[in-house]
Amino acid sequence: LHPAQWRLLRAAVAPGPDDLFVTGDPHQRIYDAHVSLA
């Protein structure tokens, strides 16, 4: 996922407990998305 997509997901849910649950593997990154979630 690209930072623009992450900004949308961050906006889709209010910050708080159990807002976002994220799974993934950088070894399977095949679309060149460089992201700093923090």
PDB file of all heavy atoms in Angstrom:
ATOM      1  N   LEU A   1       0.833  -1.205   0.000  1.00  0.00           N
ATOM      2  CA  LEU A   1       0.000   0.000   0.000  1.00  0.00           C
ATOM      3  C   LEU A   1       0.868   1.256   0.000  1.00  0.00           C
ATOM      4  O   LEU A   1       1.903   1.324   0.658  1.00  0.00           O
ATOM      5  CB  LEU A   1      -0.931   0.006   1.210  1.00  0.00           C
ATOM      6  CG  LEU A   1      -1.999  -1.094   1.232  1.00  0.00           C
ATOM      7  CD1 LEU A   1      -2.872  -0.939   2.468  1.00  0.00           C
ATOM      8  CD2 LEU A   1      -2.850  -1.068  -0.032  1.00  0.00           C
ATOM      9  N   HIS A   2       0.416   2.259  -0.724  1.00  0.00           N
ATOM     10  CA  HIS A   2       1.114   3.531  -0.896  1.00  0.00           C
ATOM     11  C   HIS A   2       0.722   4.495   0.233  1.00  0.00           C
ATOM     12  O   HIS A   2      -0.363   4.373   0.811  1.00  0.00           O
ATOM     13  CB  HIS A   2       0.705   4.098  -2.262  1.00  0.00           C
ATOM     14  CG  HIS A   2       1.397   5.355  -2.646  1.00  0.00           C
ATOM     15  ND1 HIS A   2       0.934   6.604  -2.280  1.00  0.00           N
ATOM     16  CD2 HIS A   2       2.517   5.569  -3.380  1.00  0.00           C
ATOM     17  CE1 HIS A   2       1.733   7.530  -2.773  1.00  0.00           C
ATOM     18  NE2 HIS A   2       2.708   6.931  -3.454  1.00  0.00           N
ATOM     19  N   PRO A   3       1.579   5.469   0.576  1.00  0.00           N
ATOM     20  CA  PRO A   3       1.213   6.434   1.625  1.00  0.00           C
ATOM     21  C   PRO A   3      -0.135   7.110   1.404  1.00  0.00           C
ATOM     22  O   PRO A   3      -0.858   7.382   2.370  1.00  0.00           O
ATOM     23  CB  PRO A   3       2.362   7.447   1.575  1.00  0.00           C
ATOM     24  CG  PRO A   3       3.542   6.641   1.126  1.00  0.00           C
ATOM     25  CD  PRO A   3       2.986   5.642   0.150  1.00  0.00           C
ATOM     26  N   ALA A   4      -0.507   7.395   0.153  1.00  0.00           N
ATOM     27  CA  ALA A   4      -1.816   8.009  -0.098  1.00  0.00           C
ATOM     28  C   ALA A   4      -2.942   7.073   0.322  1.00  0.00           C
ATOM     29  O   ALA A   4      -3.976   7.513   0.841  1.00  0.00           O
ATOM     30  CB  ALA A   4      -1.957   8.372  -1.578  1.00  0.00           C
ATOM     31  N   GLN A   5      -2.753   5.787   0.114  1.00  0.00           N
ATOM     32  CA  GLN A   5      -3.755   4.809   0.538  1.00  0.00           C
ATOM     33  C   GLN A   5      -3.791   4.693   2.053  1.00  0.00           C
ATOM     34  O   GLN A   5      -4.866   4.563   2.649  1.00  0.00           O
ATOM     35  CB  GLN A   5      -3.449   3.460  -0.115  1.00  0.00           C
ATOM     36  CG  GLN A   5      -3.595   3.479  -1.630  1.00  0.00           C
ATOM     37  CD  GLN A   5      -3.040   2.241  -2.290  1.00  0.00           C
ATOM     38  OE1 GLN A   5      -1.946   1.790  -1.976  1.00  0.00           O
ATOM     39  NE2 GLN A   5      -3.807   1.677  -3.220  1.00  0.00           N
ATOM     40  N   TRP A   6      -2.621   4.777   2.683  1.00  0.00           N
ATOM     41  CA  TRP A   6      -2.581   4.727   4.148  1.00  0.00           C
ATOM     42  C   TRP A   6      -3.241   5.961   4.768  1.00  0.00           C
ATOM     43  O   TRP A   6      -3.891   5.857   5.811  1.00  0.00           O
ATOM     44  CB  TRP A   6      -1.130   4.609   4.632  1.00  0.00           C
ATOM     45  CG  TRP A   6      -0.575   3.221   4.530  1.00  0.00           C
ATOM     46  CD1 TRP A   6       0.426   2.786   3.727  1.00  0.00           C
ATOM     47  CD2 TRP A   6      -1.010   2.075   5.271  1.00  0.00           C
ATOM     48  NE1 TRP A   6       0.642   1.444   3.901  1.00  0.00           N
ATOM     49  CE2 TRP A   6      -0.216   0.987   4.848  1.00  0.00           C
ATOM     50  CE3 TRP A   6      -1.996   1.857   6.234  1.00  0.00           C
ATOM     51  CZ2 TRP A   6      -0.371  -0.296   5.370  1.00  0.00           C
ATOM     52  CZ3 TRP A   6      -2.155   0.587   6.757  1.00  0.00           C
ATOM     53  CH2 TRP A   6      -1.351  -0.472   6.331  1.00  0.00           C
ATOM     54  N   ARG A   7      -3.070   7.116   4.155  1.00  0.00           N
ATOM     55  CA  ARG A   7      -3.744   8.315   4.691  1.00  0.00           C
ATOM     56  C   ARG A   7      -5.256   8.130   4.655  1.00  0.00           C
ATOM     57  O   ARG A   7      -5.971   8.559   5.575  1.00  0.00           O
ATOM     58  CB  ARG A   7      -3.329   9.555   3.886  1.00  0.00           C
ATOM     59  CG  ARG A   7      -1.910  10.022   4.132  1.00  0.00           C
ATOM     60  CD  ARG A   7      -1.682  11.448   3.656  1.00  0.00           C
ATOM     61  NE  ARG A   7      -1.867  11.590   2.230  1.00  0.00           N
ATOM     62  CZ  ARG A   7      -0.910  11.383   1.317  1.00  0.00           C
ATOM     63  NH1 ARG A   7       0.303  11.008   1.705  1.00  0.00           N
ATOM     64  NH2 ARG A   7      -1.157  11.560   0.037  1.00  0.00           N
ATOM     65  N   LEU A   8      -5.743   7.481   3.602  1.00  0.00           N
ATOM     66  CA  LEU A   8      -7.182   7.224   3.515  1.00  0.00           C
ATOM     67  C   LEU A   8      -7.623   6.264   4.618  1.00  0.00           C
ATOM     68  O   LEU A   8      -8.650   6.488   5.276  1.00  0.00           O
ATOM     69  CB  LEU A   8      -7.522   6.653   2.145  1.00  0.00           C
ATOM     70  CG  LEU A   8      -8.971   6.164   1.954  1.00  0.00           C
ATOM     71  CD1 LEU A   8      -9.959   7.288   2.230  1.00  0.00           C
ATOM     72  CD2 LEU A   8      -9.155   5.604   0.554  1.00  0.00           C
ATOM     73  N   LEU A   9      -6.866   5.202   4.834  1.00  0.00           N
ATOM     74  CA  LEU A   9      -7.237   4.236   5.869  1.00  0.00           C
ATOM     75  C   LEU A   9      -7.163   4.863   7.259  1.00  0.00           C
ATOM     76  O   LEU A   9      -7.994   4.556   8.125  1.00  0.00           O
ATOM     77  CB  LEU A   9      -6.332   3.007   5.782  1.00  0.00           C
ATOM     78  CG  LEU A   9      -6.464   2.179   4.495  1.00  0.00           C
ATOM     79  CD1 LEU A   9      -5.497   0.999   4.511  1.00  0.00           C
ATOM     80  CD2 LEU A   9      -7.900   1.680   4.320  1.00  0.00           C
ATOM     81  N   ARG A  10      -6.180   5.745   7.458  1.00  0.00           N
ATOM     82  CA  ARG A  10      -6.091   6.433   8.749  1.00  0.00           C
ATOM     83  C   ARG A  10      -7.328   7.310   8.964  1.00  0.00           C
ATOM     84  O   ARG A  10      -7.861   7.405  10.083  1.00  0.00           O
ATOM     85  CB  ARG A  10      -4.821   7.267   8.789  1.00  0.00           C
ATOM     86  CG  ARG A  10      -4.603   8.146  10.018  1.00  0.00           C
ATOM     87  CD  ARG A  10      -4.400   7.379  11.311  1.00  0.00           C
ATOM     88  NE  ARG A  10      -5.644   6.842  11.873  1.00  0.00           N
ATOM     89  CZ  ARG A  10      -5.715   6.095  12.959  1.00  0.00           C
ATOM     90  NH1 ARG A  10      -4.597   5.789  13.621  1.00  0.00           N
ATOM     91  NH2 ARG A  10      -6.876   5.649  13.397  1.00  0.00           N
ATOM     92  N   ALA A  11      -7.817   7.930   7.882  1.00  0.00           N
ATOM     93  CA  ALA A  11      -8.998   8.787   7.981  1.00  0.00           C
ATOM     94  C   ALA A  11     -10.288   7.993   8.102  1.00  0.00           C
ATOM     95  O   ALA A  11     -11.308   8.531   8.543  1.00  0.00           O
ATOM     96  CB  ALA A  11      -9.071   9.707   6.760  1.00  0.00           C
ATOM     97  N   ALA A  12     -10.254   6.709   7.733  1.00  0.00           N
ATOM     98  CA  ALA A  12     -11.476   5.900   7.712  1.00  0.00           C
ATOM     99  C   ALA A  12     -11.908   5.440   9.091  1.00  0.00           C
ATOM    100  O   ALA A  12     -13.037   4.952   9.258  1.00  0.00           O
ATOM    101  CB  ALA A  12     -11.277   4.678   6.814  1.00  0.00           C
ATOM    102  N   VAL A  13     -11.039   5.581  10.106  1.00  0.00           N
ATOM    103  CA  VAL A  13     -11.368   5.115  11.447  1.00  0.00           C
ATOM    104  C   VAL A  13     -10.779   6.084  12.459  1.00  0.00           C
ATOM    105  O   VAL A  13      -9.643   6.549  12.311  1.00  0.00           O
ATOM    106  CB  VAL A  13     -10.835   3.679  11.672  1.00  0.00           C
ATOM    107  CG1 VAL A  13      -9.334   3.585  11.473  1.00  0.00           C
ATOM    108  CG2 VAL A  13     -11.232   3.147  13.043  1.00  0.00           C
ATOM    109  N   ALA A  14     -11.554   6.401  13.478  1.00  0.00           N
ATOM    110  CA  ALA A  14     -11.071   7.324  14.506  1.00  0.00           C
ATOM    111  C   ALA A  14      -9.946   6.677  15.307  1.00  0.00           C
ATOM    112  O   ALA A  14     -10.014   5.486  15.633  1.00  0.00           O
ATOM    113  CB  ALA A  14     -12.220   7.708  15.435  1.00  0.00           C
ATOM    114  N   PRO A  15      -8.882   7.429  15.631  1.00  0.00           N
ATOM    115  CA  PRO A  15      -7.795   6.866  16.438  1.00  0.00           C
ATOM    116  C   PRO A  15      -8.313   6.368  17.786  1.00  0.00           C
ATOM    117  O   PRO A  15      -9.166   6.996  18.407  1.00  0.00           O
ATOM    118  CB  PRO A  15      -6.842   8.052  16.615  1.00  0.00           C
ATOM    119  CG  PRO A  15      -7.149   8.964  15.467  1.00  0.00           C
ATOM    120  CD  PRO A  15      -8.625   8.819  15.238  1.00  0.00           C
ATOM    121  N   GLY A  16      -7.801   5.222  18.212  1.00  0.00           N
ATOM    122  CA  GLY A  16      -8.216   4.660  19.481  1.00  0.00           C
ATOM    123  C   GLY A  16      -7.950   3.178  19.534  1.00  0.00           C
ATOM    124  O   GLY A  16      -7.344   2.598  18.614  1.00  0.00           O
ATOM    125  N   PRO A  17      -8.381   2.513  20.599  1.00  0.00           N
ATOM    126  CA  PRO A  17      -8.163   1.074  20.719  1.00  0.00           C
ATOM    127  C   PRO A  17      -8.753   0.312  19.536  1.00  0.00           C
ATOM    128  O   PRO A  17      -9.864   0.590  19.091  1.00  0.00           O
ATOM    129  CB  PRO A  17      -8.879   0.720  22.028  1.00  0.00           C
ATOM    130  CG  PRO A  17      -8.893   1.989  22.812  1.00  0.00           C
ATOM    131  CD  PRO A  17      -9.049   3.075  21.792  1.00  0.00           C
ATOM    132  N   ASP A  18      -7.981  -0.640  19.009  1.00  0.00           N
ATOM    133  CA  ASP A  18      -8.441  -1.544  17.939  1.00  0.00           C
ATOM    134  C   ASP A  18      -8.879  -0.804  16.681  1.00  0.00           C
ATOM    135  O   ASP A  18      -9.767  -1.262  15.963  1.00  0.00           O
ATOM    136  CB  ASP A  18      -9.584  -2.431  18.444  1.00  0.00           C
ATOM    137  CG  ASP A  18      -9.175  -3.272  19.634  1.00  0.00           C
ATOM    138  OD1 ASP A  18      -8.123  -3.922  19.557  1.00  0.00           O
ATOM    139  OD2 ASP A  18      -9.892  -3.260  20.650  1.00  0.00           O
ATOM    140  N   ASP A  19      -8.272   0.345  16.415  1.00  0.00           N
ATOM    141  CA  ASP A  19      -8.658   1.090  15.215  1.00  0.00           C
ATOM    142  C   ASP A  19      -8.145   0.409  13.949  1.00  0.00           C
ATOM    143  O   ASP A  19      -8.900   0.158  13.011  1.00  0.00           O
ATOM    144  CB  ASP A  19      -8.198   2.544  15.298  1.00  0.00           C
ATOM    145  CG  ASP A  19      -6.723   2.698  15.646  1.00  0.00           C
ATOM    146  OD1 ASP A  19      -6.056   1.673  15.923  1.00  0.00           O
ATOM    147  OD2 ASP A  19      -6.227   3.846  15.654  1.00  0.00           O
ATOM    148  N   LEU A  20      -6.847   0.088  13.903  1.00  0.00           N
ATOM    149  CA  LEU A  20      -6.258  -0.532  12.721  1.00  0.00           C
ATOM    150  C   LEU A  20      -5.534  -1.820  13.110  1.00  0.00           C
ATOM    151  O   LEU A  20      -4.781  -1.851  14.093  1.00  0.00           O
ATOM    152  CB  LEU A  20      -5.265   0.418  12.062  1.00  0.00           C
ATOM    153  CG  LEU A  20      -5.852   1.542  11.207  1.00  0.00           C
ATOM    154  CD1 LEU A  20      -4.916   2.736  11.182  1.00  0.00           C
ATOM    155  CD2 LEU A  20      -6.104   1.049   9.796  1.00  0.00           C
ATOM    156  N   PHE A  21      -5.763  -2.880  12.338  1.00  0.00           N
ATOM    157  CA  PHE A  21      -5.056  -4.144  12.517  1.00  0.00           C
ATOM    158  C   PHE A  21      -4.432  -4.473  11.166  1.00  0.00           C
ATOM    159  O   PHE A  21      -5.144  -4.644  10.171  1.00  0.00           O
ATOM    160  CB  PHE A  21      -6.017  -5.245  12.962  1.00  0.00           C
ATOM    161  CG  PHE A  21      -5.335  -6.529  13.357  1.00  0.00           C
ATOM    162  CD1 PHE A  21      -4.842  -6.699  14.644  1.00  0.00           C
ATOM    163  CD2 PHE A  21      -5.182  -7.562  12.445  1.00  0.00           C
ATOM    164  CE1 PHE A  21      -4.216  -7.883  15.019  1.00  0.00           C
ATOM    165  CE2 PHE A  21      -4.562  -8.748  12.807  1.00  0.00           C
ATOM    166  CZ  PHE A  21      -4.078  -8.915  14.102  1.00  0.00           C
ATOM    167  N   VAL A  22      -3.101  -4.544  11.116  1.00  0.00           N
ATOM    168  CA  VAL A  22      -2.368  -4.575   9.856  1.00  0.00           C
ATOM    169  C   VAL A  22      -1.536  -5.850   9.754  1.00  0.00           C
ATOM    170  O   VAL A  22      -0.807  -6.192  10.694  1.00  0.00           O
ATOM    171  CB  VAL A  22      -1.437  -3.348   9.759  1.00  0.00           C
ATOM    172  CG1 VAL A  22      -0.595  -3.400   8.495  1.00  0.00           C
ATOM    173  CG2 VAL A  22      -2.244  -2.057   9.825  1.00  0.00           C
ATOM    174  N   THR A  23      -1.641  -6.567   8.637  1.00  0.00           N
ATOM    175  CA  THR A  23      -0.793  -7.729   8.405  1.00  0.00           C
ATOM    176  C   THR A  23      -0.067  -7.573   7.075  1.00  0.00           C
ATOM    177  O   THR A  23      -0.619  -7.022   6.115  1.00  0.00           O
ATOM    178  CB  THR A  23      -1.596  -9.044   8.373  1.00  0.00           C
ATOM    179  OG1 THR A  23      -2.401  -9.093   7.193  1.00  0.00           O
ATOM    180  CG2 THR A  23      -2.477  -9.172   9.597  1.00  0.00           C
ATOM    181  N   GLY A  24       1.171  -8.062   7.015  1.00  0.00           N
ATOM    182  CA  GLY A  24       1.929  -7.966   5.772  1.00  0.00           C
ATOM    183  C   GLY A  24       3.327  -8.516   5.926  1.00  0.00           C
ATOM    184  O   GLY A  24       3.747  -8.936   7.009  1.00  0.00           O
ATOM    185  N   ASP A  25       4.076  -8.505   4.820  1.00  0.00           N
ATOM    186  CA  ASP A  25       5.427  -9.063   4.787  1.00  0.00           C
ATOM    187  C   ASP A  25       6.270  -8.252   3.806  1.00  0.00           C
ATOM    188  O   ASP A  25       6.010  -8.274   2.604  1.00  0.00           O
ATOM    189  CB  ASP A  25       5.380 -10.528   4.345  1.00  0.00           C
ATOM    190  CG  ASP A  25       6.775 -11.123   4.182  1.00  0.00           C
ATOM    191  OD1 ASP A  25       7.728 -10.573   4.770  1.00  0.00           O
ATOM    192  OD2 ASP A  25       6.912 -12.134   3.473  1.00  0.00           O
ATOM    193  N   PRO A  26       7.287  -7.535   4.276  1.00  0.00           N
ATOM    194  CA  PRO A  26       8.112  -6.734   3.364  1.00  0.00           C
ATOM    195  C   PRO A  26       8.842  -7.571   2.325  1.00  0.00           C
ATOM    196  O   PRO A  26       9.231  -7.051   1.279  1.00  0.00           O
ATOM    197  CB  PRO A  26       9.090  -6.017   4.300  1.00  0.00           C
ATOM    198  CG  PRO A  26       9.098  -6.830   5.557  1.00  0.00           C
ATOM    199  CD  PRO A  26       7.723  -7.396   5.678  1.00  0.00           C
ATOM    200  N   HIS A  27       9.045  -8.871   2.573  1.00  0.00           N
ATOM    201  CA  HIS A  27       9.703  -9.732   1.597  1.00  0.00           C
ATOM    202  C   HIS A  27       8.809 -10.017   0.397  1.00  0.00           C
ATOM    203  O   HIS A  27       9.271 -10.567  -0.603  1.00  0.00           O
ATOM    204  CB  HIS A  27      10.113 -11.052   2.259  1.00  0.00           C
ATOM    205  CG  HIS A  27      11.018 -10.869   3.430  1.00  0.00           C
ATOM    206  ND1 HIS A  27      10.523 -10.628   4.694  1.00  0.00           N
ATOM    207  CD2 HIS A  27      12.361 -10.852   3.532  1.00  0.00           C
ATOM    208  CE1 HIS A  27      11.544 -10.488   5.527  1.00  0.00           C
ATOM    209  NE2 HIS A  27      12.660 -10.612   4.853  1.00  0.00           N
ATOM    210  N   GLN A  28       7.530  -9.662   0.505  1.00  0.00           N
ATOM    211  CA  GLN A  28       6.603  -9.866  -0.602  1.00  0.00           C
ATOM    212  C   GLN A  28       6.155  -8.532  -1.203  1.00  0.00           C
ATOM    213  O   GLN A  28       5.109  -8.449  -1.828  1.00  0.00           O
ATOM    214  CB  GLN A  28       5.390 -10.657  -0.121  1.00  0.00           C
ATOM    215  CG  GLN A  28       5.753 -12.042   0.416  1.00  0.00           C
ATOM    216  CD  GLN A  28       4.527 -12.810   0.859  1.00  0.00           C
ATOM    217  OE1 GLN A  28       3.689 -13.189   0.056  1.00  0.00           O
ATOM    218  NE2 GLN A  28       4.422 -13.047   2.168  1.00  0.00           N
ATOM    219  N   ARG A  29       6.959  -7.497  -1.024  1.00  0.00           N
ATOM    220  CA  ARG A  29       6.619  -6.184  -1.571  1.00  0.00           C
ATOM    221  C   ARG A  29       6.936  -6.175  -3.061  1.00  0.00           C
ATOM    222  O   ARG A  29       8.093  -6.207  -3.458  1.00  0.00           O
ATOM    223  CB  ARG A  29       7.405  -5.092  -0.845  1.00  0.00           C
ATOM    224  CG  ARG A  29       7.050  -3.677  -1.281  1.00  0.00           C
ATOM    225  CD  ARG A  29       7.846  -2.647  -0.503  1.00  0.00           C
ATOM    226  NE  ARG A  29       7.383  -2.534   0.870  1.00  0.00           N
ATOM    227  CZ  ARG A  29       8.166  -2.614   1.940  1.00  0.00           C
ATOM    228  NH1 ARG A  29       9.453  -2.855   1.802  1.00  0.00           N
ATOM    229  NH2 ARG A  29       7.655  -2.488   3.157  1.00  0.00           N
ATOM    230  N   ILE A  30       5.892  -6.142  -3.888  1.00  0.00           N
ATOM    231  CA  ILE A  30       6.105  -6.247  -5.332  1.00  0.00           C
ATOM    232  C   ILE A  30       5.592  -5.024  -6.091  1.00  0.00           C
ATOM    233  O   ILE A  30       5.610  -5.024  -7.317  1.00  0.00           O
ATOM    234  CB  ILE A  30       5.446  -7.522  -5.897  1.00  0.00           C
ATOM    235  CG1 ILE A  30       3.930  -7.489  -5.709  1.00  0.00           C
ATOM    236  CG2 ILE A  30       6.035  -8.761  -5.271  1.00  0.00           C
ATOM    237  CD1 ILE A  30       3.207  -8.673  -6.337  1.00  0.00           C
ATOM    238  N   TYR A  31       5.168  -3.973  -5.367  1.00  0.00           N
ATOM    239  CA  TYR A  31       4.665  -2.792  -6.050  1.00  0.00           C
ATOM    240  C   TYR A  31       5.384  -1.520  -5.625  1.00  0.00           C
ATOM    241  O   TYR A  31       4.883  -0.422  -5.821  1.00  0.00           O
ATOM    242  CB  TYR A  31       3.156  -2.642  -5.831  1.00  0.00           C
ATOM    243  CG  TYR A  31       2.356  -3.669  -6.601  1.00  0.00           C
ATOM    244  CD1 TYR A  31       1.782  -4.754  -5.953  1.00  0.00           C
ATOM    245  CD2 TYR A  31       2.194  -3.563  -7.978  1.00  0.00           C
ATOM    246  CE1 TYR A  31       1.053  -5.701  -6.652  1.00  0.00           C
ATOM    247  CE2 TYR A  31       1.474  -4.513  -8.686  1.00  0.00           C
ATOM    248  CZ  TYR A  31       0.902  -5.572  -8.023  1.00  0.00           C
ATOM    249  OH  TYR A  31       0.184  -6.514  -8.721  1.00  0.00           O
ATOM    250  N   ASP A  32       6.567  -1.661  -5.009  1.00  0.00           N
ATOM    251  CA  ASP A  32       7.446  -0.515  -4.779  1.00  0.00           C
ATOM    252  C   ASP A  32       6.789   0.590  -3.968  1.00  0.00           C
ATOM    253  O   ASP A  32       6.789   1.758  -4.356  1.00  0.00           O
ATOM    254  CB  ASP A  32       7.935   0.043  -6.124  1.00  0.00           C
ATOM    255  CG  ASP A  32       9.140   0.962  -5.950  1.00  0.00           C
ATOM    256  OD1 ASP A  32       9.819   0.823  -4.935  1.00  0.00           O
ATOM    257  OD2 ASP A  32       9.378   1.800  -6.833  1.00  0.00           O
ATOM    258  N   ALA A  33       6.195   0.226  -2.835  1.00  0.00           N
ATOM    259  CA  ALA A  33       5.582   1.229  -1.958  1.00  0.00           C
ATOM    260  C   ALA A  33       6.490   1.453  -0.748  1.00  0.00           C
ATOM    261  O   ALA A  33       6.729   0.535   0.031  1.00  0.00           O
ATOM    262  CB  ALA A  33       4.211   0.753  -1.495  1.00  0.00           C
ATOM    263  N   HIS A  34       7.036   2.660  -0.619  1.00  0.00           N
ATOM    264  CA  HIS A  34       7.915   3.006   0.491  1.00  0.00           C
ATOM    265  C   HIS A  34       7.105   3.773   1.534  1.00  0.00           C
ATOM    266  O   HIS A  34       6.621   4.869   1.253  1.00  0.00           O
ATOM    267  CB  HIS A  34       9.087   3.853   0.012  1.00  0.00           C
ATOM    268  CG  HIS A  34       9.902   3.186  -1.055  1.00  0.00           C
ATOM    269  ND1 HIS A  34      10.796   3.859  -1.849  1.00  0.00           N
ATOM    270  CD2 HIS A  34       9.953   1.886  -1.448  1.00  0.00           C
ATOM    271  CE1 HIS A  34      11.369   3.014  -2.693  1.00  0.00           C
ATOM    272  NE2 HIS A  34      10.866   1.819  -2.470  1.00  0.00           N
ATOM    273  N   VAL A  35       6.974   3.207   2.717  1.00  0.00           N
ATOM    274  CA  VAL A  35       6.032   3.767   3.690  1.00  0.00           C
ATOM    275  C   VAL A  35       6.657   3.831   5.074  1.00  0.00           C
ATOM    276  O   VAL A  35       7.358   2.906   5.498  1.00  0.00           O
ATOM    277  CB  VAL A  35       4.745   2.907   3.766  1.00  0.00           C
ATOM    278  CG1 VAL A  35       3.796   3.483   4.800  1.00  0.00           C
ATOM    279  CG2 VAL A  35       4.056   2.855   2.409  1.00  0.00           C
ATOM    280  N   SER A  36       6.407   4.924   5.777  1.00  0.00           N
ATOM    281  CA  SER A  36       6.647   5.026   7.204  1.00  0.00           C
ATOM    282  C   SER A  36       5.295   5.217   7.870  1.00  0.00           C
ATOM    283  O   SER A  36       4.698   6.290   7.793  1.00  0.00           O
ATOM    284  CB  SER A  36       7.564   6.205   7.531  1.00  0.00           C
ATOM    285  OG  SER A  36       7.508   6.503   8.910  1.00  0.00           O
ATOM    286  N   LEU A  37       4.785   4.147   8.490  1.00  0.00           N
ATOM    287  CA  LEU A  37       3.458   4.227   9.095  1.00  0.00           C
ATOM    288  C   LEU A  37       3.412   5.266  10.213  1.00  0.00           C
ATOM    289  O   LEU A  37       2.418   5.977  10.362  1.00  0.00           O
ATOM    290  CB  LEU A  37       3.049   2.854   9.636  1.00  0.00           C
ATOM    291  CG  LEU A  37       2.780   1.752   8.605  1.00  0.00           C
ATOM    292  CD1 LEU A  37       2.329   0.483   9.304  1.00  0.00           C
ATOM    293  CD2 LEU A  37       1.740   2.205   7.590  1.00  0.00           C
ATOM    294  N   ALA A  38       4.485   5.354  10.988  1.00  0.00           N
ATOM    295  CA  ALA A  38       4.482   6.301  12.108  1.00  0.00           C
ATOM    296  C   ALA A  38       4.294   7.731  11.619  1.00  0.00           C
ATOM    297  O   ALA A  38       3.596   8.533  12.246  1.00  0.00           O
ATOM    298  CB  ALA A  38       5.776   6.168  12.900  1.00  0.00           C
TER     299      ALA A  38
END
